[in-house]
């Protein structure tokens, strides 16, 4: 699935990912390919995403995520 993590200042990550874990306001949640459409708020925490078997981390202060048609778009404050 395609993942894009952006802030008002810059693009933090854009590329293909095997899975993503988000710090949701009701607890963390995972997103895998073919996830159901979703828009939800994020709280301060760490976004973890898997690329070619390697996990990367991106700390955020807040934001929201939109998931639709295997495209994950994150608008975050850092």
PDB file of N, CA and C in Angstrom:
ATOM      1  N   UNK A   1       0.846  -1.172   0.000  1.00  0.00           N
ATOM      2  CA  UNK A   1       0.000   0.000   0.000  1.00  0.00           C
ATOM      3  C   UNK A   1       0.894   1.238   0.000  1.00  0.00           C
ATOM      4  N   UNK A   2       0.374   2.317  -0.525  1.00  0.00           N
ATOM      5  CA  UNK A   2       1.129   3.567  -0.600  1.00  0.00           C
ATOM      6  C   UNK A   2       0.879   4.372   0.679  1.00  0.00           C
ATOM      7  N   UNK A   3       1.956   4.845   1.282  1.00  0.00           N
ATOM      8  CA  UNK A   3       1.865   5.620   2.517  1.00  0.00           C
ATOM      9  C   UNK A   3       2.528   6.970   2.293  1.00  0.00           C
ATOM     10  N   UNK A   4       1.853   8.010   2.767  1.00  0.00           N
ATOM     11  CA  UNK A   4       2.409   9.370   2.690  1.00  0.00           C
ATOM     12  C   UNK A   4       2.214  10.030   4.049  1.00  0.00           C
ATOM     13  N   UNK A   5       3.312  10.443   4.679  1.00  0.00           N
ATOM     14  CA  UNK A   5       3.271  11.131   5.969  1.00  0.00           C
ATOM     15  C   UNK A   5       3.777  12.547   5.736  1.00  0.00           C
ATOM     16  N   UNK A   6       2.908  13.526   5.972  1.00  0.00           N
ATOM     17  CA  UNK A   6       3.269  14.922   5.712  1.00  0.00           C
ATOM     18  C   UNK A   6       3.013  15.788   6.942  1.00  0.00           C
ATOM     19  N   UNK A   7       3.754  16.886   7.023  1.00  0.00           N
ATOM     20  CA  UNK A   7       3.526  17.927   8.017  1.00  0.00           C
ATOM     21  C   UNK A   7       3.303  19.220   7.229  1.00  0.00           C
ATOM     22  N   UNK A   8       2.925  20.301   7.904  1.00  0.00           N
ATOM     23  CA  UNK A   8       2.792  21.570   7.174  1.00  0.00           C
ATOM     24  C   UNK A   8       4.103  22.020   6.524  1.00  0.00           C
ATOM     25  N   UNK A   9       5.237  21.548   7.047  1.00  0.00           N
ATOM     26  CA  UNK A   9       6.533  21.985   6.540  1.00  0.00           C
ATOM     27  C   UNK A   9       7.097  21.111   5.423  1.00  0.00           C
ATOM     28  N   UNK A  10       6.860  19.765   5.502  1.00  0.00           N
ATOM     29  CA  UNK A  10       7.525  18.891   4.530  1.00  0.00           C
ATOM     30  C   UNK A  10       6.906  17.500   4.502  1.00  0.00           C
ATOM     31  N   UNK A  11       7.329  16.722   3.526  1.00  0.00           N
ATOM     32  CA  UNK A  11       6.953  15.312   3.426  1.00  0.00           C
ATOM     33  C   UNK A  11       7.972  14.516   4.235  1.00  0.00           C
ATOM     34  N   UNK A  12       7.502  13.742   5.221  1.00  0.00           N
ATOM     35  CA  UNK A  12       8.389  12.947   6.064  1.00  0.00           C
ATOM     36  C   UNK A  12       8.664  11.576   5.458  1.00  0.00           C
ATOM     37  N   UNK A  13       7.671  11.005   4.780  1.00  0.00           N
ATOM     38  CA  UNK A  13       7.837   9.712   4.117  1.00  0.00           C
ATOM     39  C   UNK A  13       6.800   9.588   3.021  1.00  0.00           C
ATOM     40  N   UNK A  14       7.218   9.018   1.902  1.00  0.00           N
ATOM     41  CA  UNK A  14       6.297   8.697   0.822  1.00  0.00           C
ATOM     42  C   UNK A  14       6.826   7.453   0.126  1.00  0.00           C
ATOM     43  N   UNK A  15       6.031   6.395   0.145  1.00  0.00           N
ATOM     44  CA  UNK A  15       6.462   5.167  -0.499  1.00  0.00           C
ATOM     45  C   UNK A  15       5.558   4.006  -0.160  1.00  0.00           C
ATOM     46  N   UNK A  16       5.976   2.824  -0.583  1.00  0.00           N
ATOM     47  CA  UNK A  16       5.226   1.604  -0.325  1.00  0.00           C
ATOM     48  C   UNK A  16       5.570   1.066   1.061  1.00  0.00           C
ATOM     49  N   UNK A  17       4.559   0.531   1.746  1.00  0.00           N
ATOM     50  CA  UNK A  17       4.756  -0.038   3.068  1.00  0.00           C
ATOM     51  C   UNK A  17       3.925  -1.308   3.202  1.00  0.00           C
ATOM     52  N   UNK A  18       4.442  -2.256   3.980  1.00  0.00           N
ATOM     53  CA  UNK A  18       3.751  -3.522   4.202  1.00  0.00           C
ATOM     54  C   UNK A  18       2.720  -3.422   5.315  1.00  0.00           C
ATOM     55  N   UNK A  19       2.972  -2.538   6.292  1.00  0.00           N
ATOM     56  CA  UNK A  19       2.029  -2.307   7.393  1.00  0.00           C
ATOM     57  C   UNK A  19       2.395  -0.997   8.071  1.00  0.00           C
ATOM     58  N   UNK A  20       1.415  -0.423   8.780  1.00  0.00           N
ATOM     59  CA  UNK A  20       1.640   0.817   9.530  1.00  0.00           C
ATOM     60  C   UNK A  20       0.908   0.695  10.858  1.00  0.00           C
ATOM     61  N   UNK A  21       1.543   1.151  11.936  1.00  0.00           N
ATOM     62  CA  UNK A  21       0.910   1.199  13.252  1.00  0.00           C
ATOM     63  C   UNK A  21       0.799   2.656  13.660  1.00  0.00           C
ATOM     64  N   UNK A  22      -0.405   3.048  14.075  1.00  0.00           N
ATOM     65  CA  UNK A  22      -0.686   4.442  14.419  1.00  0.00           C
ATOM     66  C   UNK A  22      -1.027   4.611  15.885  1.00  0.00           C
ATOM     67  N   UNK A  23      -0.688   5.786  16.478  1.00  0.00           N
ATOM     68  CA  UNK A  23      -1.114   6.113  17.839  1.00  0.00           C
ATOM     69  C   UNK A  23      -2.505   6.770  17.799  1.00  0.00           C
ATOM     70  N   UNK A  24      -3.544   5.975  17.734  1.00  0.00           N
ATOM     71  CA  UNK A  24      -4.903   6.502  17.668  1.00  0.00           C
ATOM     72  C   UNK A  24      -5.344   7.092  18.992  1.00  0.00           C
ATOM     73  N   UNK A  25      -6.357   7.923  18.956  1.00  0.00           N
ATOM     74  CA  UNK A  25      -6.824   8.555  20.194  1.00  0.00           C
ATOM     75  C   UNK A  25      -7.467   7.550  21.147  1.00  0.00           C
ATOM     76  N   UNK A  26      -7.888   6.390  20.639  1.00  0.00           N
ATOM     77  CA  UNK A  26      -8.450   5.330  21.482  1.00  0.00           C
ATOM     78  C   UNK A  26      -7.494   4.153  21.614  1.00  0.00           C
ATOM     79  N   UNK A  27      -6.222   4.373  21.341  1.00  0.00           N
ATOM     80  CA  UNK A  27      -5.218   3.314  21.408  1.00  0.00           C
ATOM     81  C   UNK A  27      -4.593   3.073  20.048  1.00  0.00           C
ATOM     82  N   UNK A  28      -3.500   2.354  20.038  1.00  0.00           N
ATOM     83  CA  UNK A  28      -2.806   2.124  18.771  1.00  0.00           C
ATOM     84  C   UNK A  28      -3.586   1.128  17.908  1.00  0.00           C
ATOM     85  N   UNK A  29      -3.399   1.245  16.598  1.00  0.00           N
ATOM     86  CA  UNK A  29      -4.049   0.333  15.664  1.00  0.00           C
ATOM     87  C   UNK A  29      -3.153   0.125  14.456  1.00  0.00           C
ATOM     88  N   UNK A  30      -3.313  -1.053  13.848  1.00  0.00           N
ATOM     89  CA  UNK A  30      -2.506  -1.433  12.697  1.00  0.00           C
ATOM     90  C   UNK A  30      -3.306  -1.314  11.410  1.00  0.00           C
ATOM     91  N   UNK A  31      -2.610  -0.993  10.335  1.00  0.00           N
ATOM     92  CA  UNK A  31      -3.207  -0.934   9.006  1.00  0.00           C
ATOM     93  C   UNK A  31      -2.397  -1.842   8.088  1.00  0.00           C
ATOM     94  N   UNK A  32      -3.086  -2.741   7.427  1.00  0.00           N
ATOM     95  CA  UNK A  32      -2.489  -3.656   6.463  1.00  0.00           C
ATOM     96  C   UNK A  32      -3.100  -3.389   5.095  1.00  0.00           C
ATOM     97  N   UNK A  33      -2.511  -3.906   4.020  1.00  0.00           N
ATOM     98  CA  UNK A  33      -3.113  -3.721   2.700  1.00  0.00           C
ATOM     99  C   UNK A  33      -4.580  -4.163   2.681  1.00  0.00           C
ATOM    100  N   UNK A  34      -5.384  -3.463   1.911  1.00  0.00           N
ATOM    101  CA  UNK A  34      -6.819  -3.716   1.728  1.00  0.00           C
ATOM    102  C   UNK A  34      -7.643  -3.371   2.967  1.00  0.00           C
ATOM    103  N   UNK A  35      -7.126  -2.474   3.813  1.00  0.00           N
ATOM    104  CA  UNK A  35      -7.855  -2.020   5.004  1.00  0.00           C
ATOM    105  C   UNK A  35      -9.129  -1.296   4.574  1.00  0.00           C
ATOM    106  N   UNK A  36     -10.144  -1.392   5.378  1.00  0.00           N
ATOM    107  CA  UNK A  36     -11.399  -0.681   5.115  1.00  0.00           C
ATOM    108  C   UNK A  36     -11.154   0.830   5.151  1.00  0.00           C
ATOM    109  N   UNK A  37     -11.941   1.610   4.398  1.00  0.00           N
ATOM    110  CA  UNK A  37     -11.795   3.065   4.431  1.00  0.00           C
ATOM    111  C   UNK A  37     -11.982   3.596   5.857  1.00  0.00           C
ATOM    112  N   UNK A  38     -11.184   4.603   6.205  1.00  0.00           N
ATOM    113  CA  UNK A  38     -11.203   5.132   7.570  1.00  0.00           C
ATOM    114  C   UNK A  38     -10.591   6.521   7.580  1.00  0.00           C
ATOM    115  N   UNK A  39     -11.172   7.397   8.405  1.00  0.00           N
ATOM    116  CA  UNK A  39     -10.560   8.688   8.728  1.00  0.00           C
ATOM    117  C   UNK A  39     -10.636   8.795  10.243  1.00  0.00           C
ATOM    118  N   UNK A  40      -9.486   9.042  10.881  1.00  0.00           N
ATOM    119  CA  UNK A  40      -9.476   9.137  12.345  1.00  0.00           C
ATOM    120  C   UNK A  40      -8.355  10.049  12.821  1.00  0.00           C
ATOM    121  N   UNK A  41      -8.528  10.558  14.035  1.00  0.00           N
ATOM    122  CA  UNK A  41      -7.528  11.434  14.645  1.00  0.00           C
ATOM    123  C   UNK A  41      -6.417  10.607  15.280  1.00  0.00           C
ATOM    124  N   UNK A  42      -5.242  11.224  15.362  1.00  0.00           N
ATOM    125  CA  UNK A  42      -4.084  10.605  15.983  1.00  0.00           C
ATOM    126  C   UNK A  42      -3.629  11.457  17.159  1.00  0.00           C
ATOM    127  N   UNK A  43      -3.063  10.792  18.159  1.00  0.00           N
ATOM    128  CA  UNK A  43      -2.530  11.516  19.310  1.00  0.00           C
ATOM    129  C   UNK A  43      -1.005  11.467  19.294  1.00  0.00           C
ATOM    130  N   UNK A  44      -0.400  12.139  20.252  1.00  0.00           N
ATOM    131  CA  UNK A  44       1.061  12.131  20.349  1.00  0.00           C
ATOM    132  C   UNK A  44       1.551  10.693  20.509  1.00  0.00           C
ATOM    133  N   UNK A  45       2.557  10.343  19.724  1.00  0.00           N
ATOM    134  CA  UNK A  45       3.100   8.994  19.773  1.00  0.00           C
ATOM    135  C   UNK A  45       4.008   8.746  18.594  1.00  0.00           C
ATOM    136  N   UNK A  46       4.148   7.480  18.246  1.00  0.00           N
ATOM    137  CA  UNK A  46       5.064   7.089  17.174  1.00  0.00           C
ATOM    138  C   UNK A  46       4.324   6.302  16.106  1.00  0.00           C
ATOM    139  N   UNK A  47       4.472   6.733  14.855  1.00  0.00           N
ATOM    140  CA  UNK A  47       3.979   5.961  13.713  1.00  0.00           C
ATOM    141  C   UNK A  47       5.094   4.986  13.347  1.00  0.00           C
ATOM    142  N   UNK A  48       4.753   3.711  13.257  1.00  0.00           N
ATOM    143  CA  UNK A  48       5.724   2.691  12.860  1.00  0.00           C
ATOM    144  C   UNK A  48       5.282   2.106  11.525  1.00  0.00           C
ATOM    145  N   UNK A  49       6.213   2.053  10.563  1.00  0.00           N
ATOM    146  CA  UNK A  49       5.856   1.496   9.257  1.00  0.00           C
ATOM    147  C   UNK A  49       6.956   0.553   8.782  1.00  0.00           C
ATOM    148  N   UNK A  50       6.516  -0.496   8.100  1.00  0.00           N
ATOM    149  CA  UNK A  50       7.397  -1.573   7.666  1.00  0.00           C
ATOM    150  C   UNK A  50       7.640  -1.459   6.160  1.00  0.00           C
ATOM    151  N   UNK A  51       8.915  -1.352   5.777  1.00  0.00           N
ATOM    152  CA  UNK A  51       9.313  -1.244   4.373  1.00  0.00           C
ATOM    153  C   UNK A  51      10.369  -2.315   4.100  1.00  0.00           C
ATOM    154  N   UNK A  52      10.047  -3.245   3.203  1.00  0.00           N
ATOM    155  CA  UNK A  52      10.975  -4.338   2.863  1.00  0.00           C
ATOM    156  C   UNK A  52      11.483  -5.076   4.101  1.00  0.00           C
ATOM    157  N   UNK A  53      10.582  -5.312   5.058  1.00  0.00           N
ATOM    158  CA  UNK A  53      10.938  -6.062   6.258  1.00  0.00           C
ATOM    159  C   UNK A  53      11.643  -5.271   7.339  1.00  0.00           C
ATOM    160  N   UNK A  54      11.910  -3.972   7.103  1.00  0.00           N
ATOM    161  CA  UNK A  54      12.586  -3.132   8.094  1.00  0.00           C
ATOM    162  C   UNK A  54      11.593  -2.121   8.662  1.00  0.00           C
ATOM    163  N   UNK A  55      11.573  -2.002  10.016  1.00  0.00           N
ATOM    164  CA  UNK A  55      10.648  -1.081  10.662  1.00  0.00           C
ATOM    165  C   UNK A  55      11.280   0.301  10.832  1.00  0.00           C
ATOM    166  N   UNK A  56      10.502   1.327  10.518  1.00  0.00           N
ATOM    167  CA  UNK A  56      10.910   2.719  10.689  1.00  0.00           C
ATOM    168  C   UNK A  56       9.942   3.381  11.654  1.00  0.00           C
ATOM    169  N   UNK A  57      10.407   4.428  12.345  1.00  0.00           N
ATOM    170  CA  UNK A  57       9.572   5.145  13.301  1.00  0.00           C
ATOM    171  C   UNK A  57       9.538   6.629  12.983  1.00  0.00           C
ATOM    172  N   UNK A  58       8.362   7.222  13.179  1.00  0.00           N
ATOM    173  CA  UNK A  58       8.205   8.661  12.990  1.00  0.00           C
ATOM    174  C   UNK A  58       7.385   9.214  14.155  1.00  0.00           C
ATOM    175  N   UNK A  59       8.011   9.949  15.076  1.00  0.00           N
ATOM    176  CA  UNK A  59       7.247  10.547  16.174  1.00  0.00           C
ATOM    177  C   UNK A  59       6.374  11.700  15.670  1.00  0.00           C
ATOM    178  N   UNK A  60       5.174  11.813  16.258  1.00  0.00           N
ATOM    179  CA  UNK A  60       4.270  12.921  15.921  1.00  0.00           C
ATOM    180  C   UNK A  60       3.673  13.486  17.212  1.00  0.00           C
ATOM    181  N   UNK A  61       3.175  14.718  17.128  1.00  0.00           N
ATOM    182  CA  UNK A  61       2.492  15.332  18.272  1.00  0.00           C
ATOM    183  C   UNK A  61       0.981  15.151  18.170  1.00  0.00           C
ATOM    184  N   UNK A  62       0.452  15.158  16.946  1.00  0.00           N
ATOM    185  CA  UNK A  62      -0.980  14.959  16.710  1.00  0.00           C
ATOM    186  C   UNK A  62      -1.188  14.870  15.198  1.00  0.00           C
ATOM    187  N   UNK A  63      -2.441  14.649  14.795  1.00  0.00           N
ATOM    188  CA  UNK A  63      -2.733  14.610  13.374  1.00  0.00           C
ATOM    189  C   UNK A  63      -3.947  13.776  13.067  1.00  0.00           C
ATOM    190  N   UNK A  64      -4.076  13.411  11.799  1.00  0.00           N
ATOM    191  CA  UNK A  64      -5.154  12.508  11.398  1.00  0.00           C
ATOM    192  C   UNK A  64      -4.672  11.663  10.235  1.00  0.00           C
ATOM    193  N   UNK A  65      -5.361  10.552  10.021  1.00  0.00           N
ATOM    194  CA  UNK A  65      -5.013   9.635   8.939  1.00  0.00           C
ATOM    195  C   UNK A  65      -6.266   9.333   8.131  1.00  0.00           C
ATOM    196  N   UNK A  66      -6.087   9.246   6.816  1.00  0.00           N
ATOM    197  CA  UNK A  66      -7.146   8.845   5.898  1.00  0.00           C
ATOM    198  C   UNK A  66      -6.664   7.600   5.162  1.00  0.00           C
ATOM    199  N   UNK A  67      -7.501   6.563   5.163  1.00  0.00           N
ATOM    200  CA  UNK A  67      -7.177   5.310   4.488  1.00  0.00           C
ATOM    201  C   UNK A  67      -8.274   5.038   3.470  1.00  0.00           C
ATOM    202  N   UNK A  68      -7.865   4.871   2.210  1.00  0.00           N
ATOM    203  CA  UNK A  68      -8.839   4.596   1.154  1.00  0.00           C
ATOM    204  C   UNK A  68      -8.112   4.009  -0.054  1.00  0.00           C
ATOM    205  N   UNK A  69      -8.629   2.887  -0.574  1.00  0.00           N
ATOM    206  CA  UNK A  69      -8.091   2.254  -1.788  1.00  0.00           C
ATOM    207  C   UNK A  69      -6.589   1.978  -1.716  1.00  0.00           C
ATOM    208  N   UNK A  70      -6.135   1.446  -0.586  1.00  0.00           N
ATOM    209  CA  UNK A  70      -4.715   1.130  -0.368  1.00  0.00           C
ATOM    210  C   UNK A  70      -3.810   2.346  -0.414  1.00  0.00           C
ATOM    211  N   UNK A  71      -4.370   3.527  -0.134  1.00  0.00           N
ATOM    212  CA  UNK A  71      -3.594   4.756  -0.014  1.00  0.00           C
ATOM    213  C   UNK A  71      -3.799   5.281   1.405  1.00  0.00           C
ATOM    214  N   UNK A  72      -2.703   5.421   2.140  1.00  0.00           N
ATOM    215  CA  UNK A  72      -2.728   5.904   3.528  1.00  0.00           C
ATOM    216  C   UNK A  72      -2.081   7.277   3.537  1.00  0.00           C
ATOM    217  N   UNK A  73      -2.862   8.293   3.915  1.00  0.00           N
ATOM    218  CA  UNK A  73      -2.358   9.662   3.954  1.00  0.00           C
ATOM    219  C   UNK A  73      -2.432  10.163   5.380  1.00  0.00           C
ATOM    220  N   UNK A  74      -1.288  10.602   5.901  1.00  0.00           N
ATOM    221  CA  UNK A  74      -1.194  11.106   7.274  1.00  0.00           C
ATOM    222  C   UNK A  74      -0.831  12.581   7.225  1.00  0.00           C
ATOM    223  N   UNK A  75      -1.633  13.411   7.876  1.00  0.00           N
ATOM    224  CA  UNK A  75      -1.317  14.818   8.064  1.00  0.00           C
ATOM    225  C   UNK A  75      -0.994  14.962   9.543  1.00  0.00           C
ATOM    226  N   UNK A  76       0.250  15.315   9.866  1.00  0.00           N
ATOM    227  CA  UNK A  76       0.701  15.309  11.258  1.00  0.00           C
ATOM    228  C   UNK A  76       1.370  16.605  11.645  1.00  0.00           C
ATOM    229  N   UNK A  77       1.307  16.903  12.934  1.00  0.00           N
ATOM    230  CA  UNK A  77       2.086  17.960  13.548  1.00  0.00           C
ATOM    231  C   UNK A  77       3.260  17.279  14.206  1.00  0.00           C
ATOM    232  N   UNK A  78       4.421  17.866  14.070  1.00  0.00           N
ATOM    233  CA  UNK A  78       5.626  17.247  14.626  1.00  0.00           C
ATOM    234  C   UNK A  78       6.316  18.199  15.559  1.00  0.00           C
TER     235      UNK A  78
END
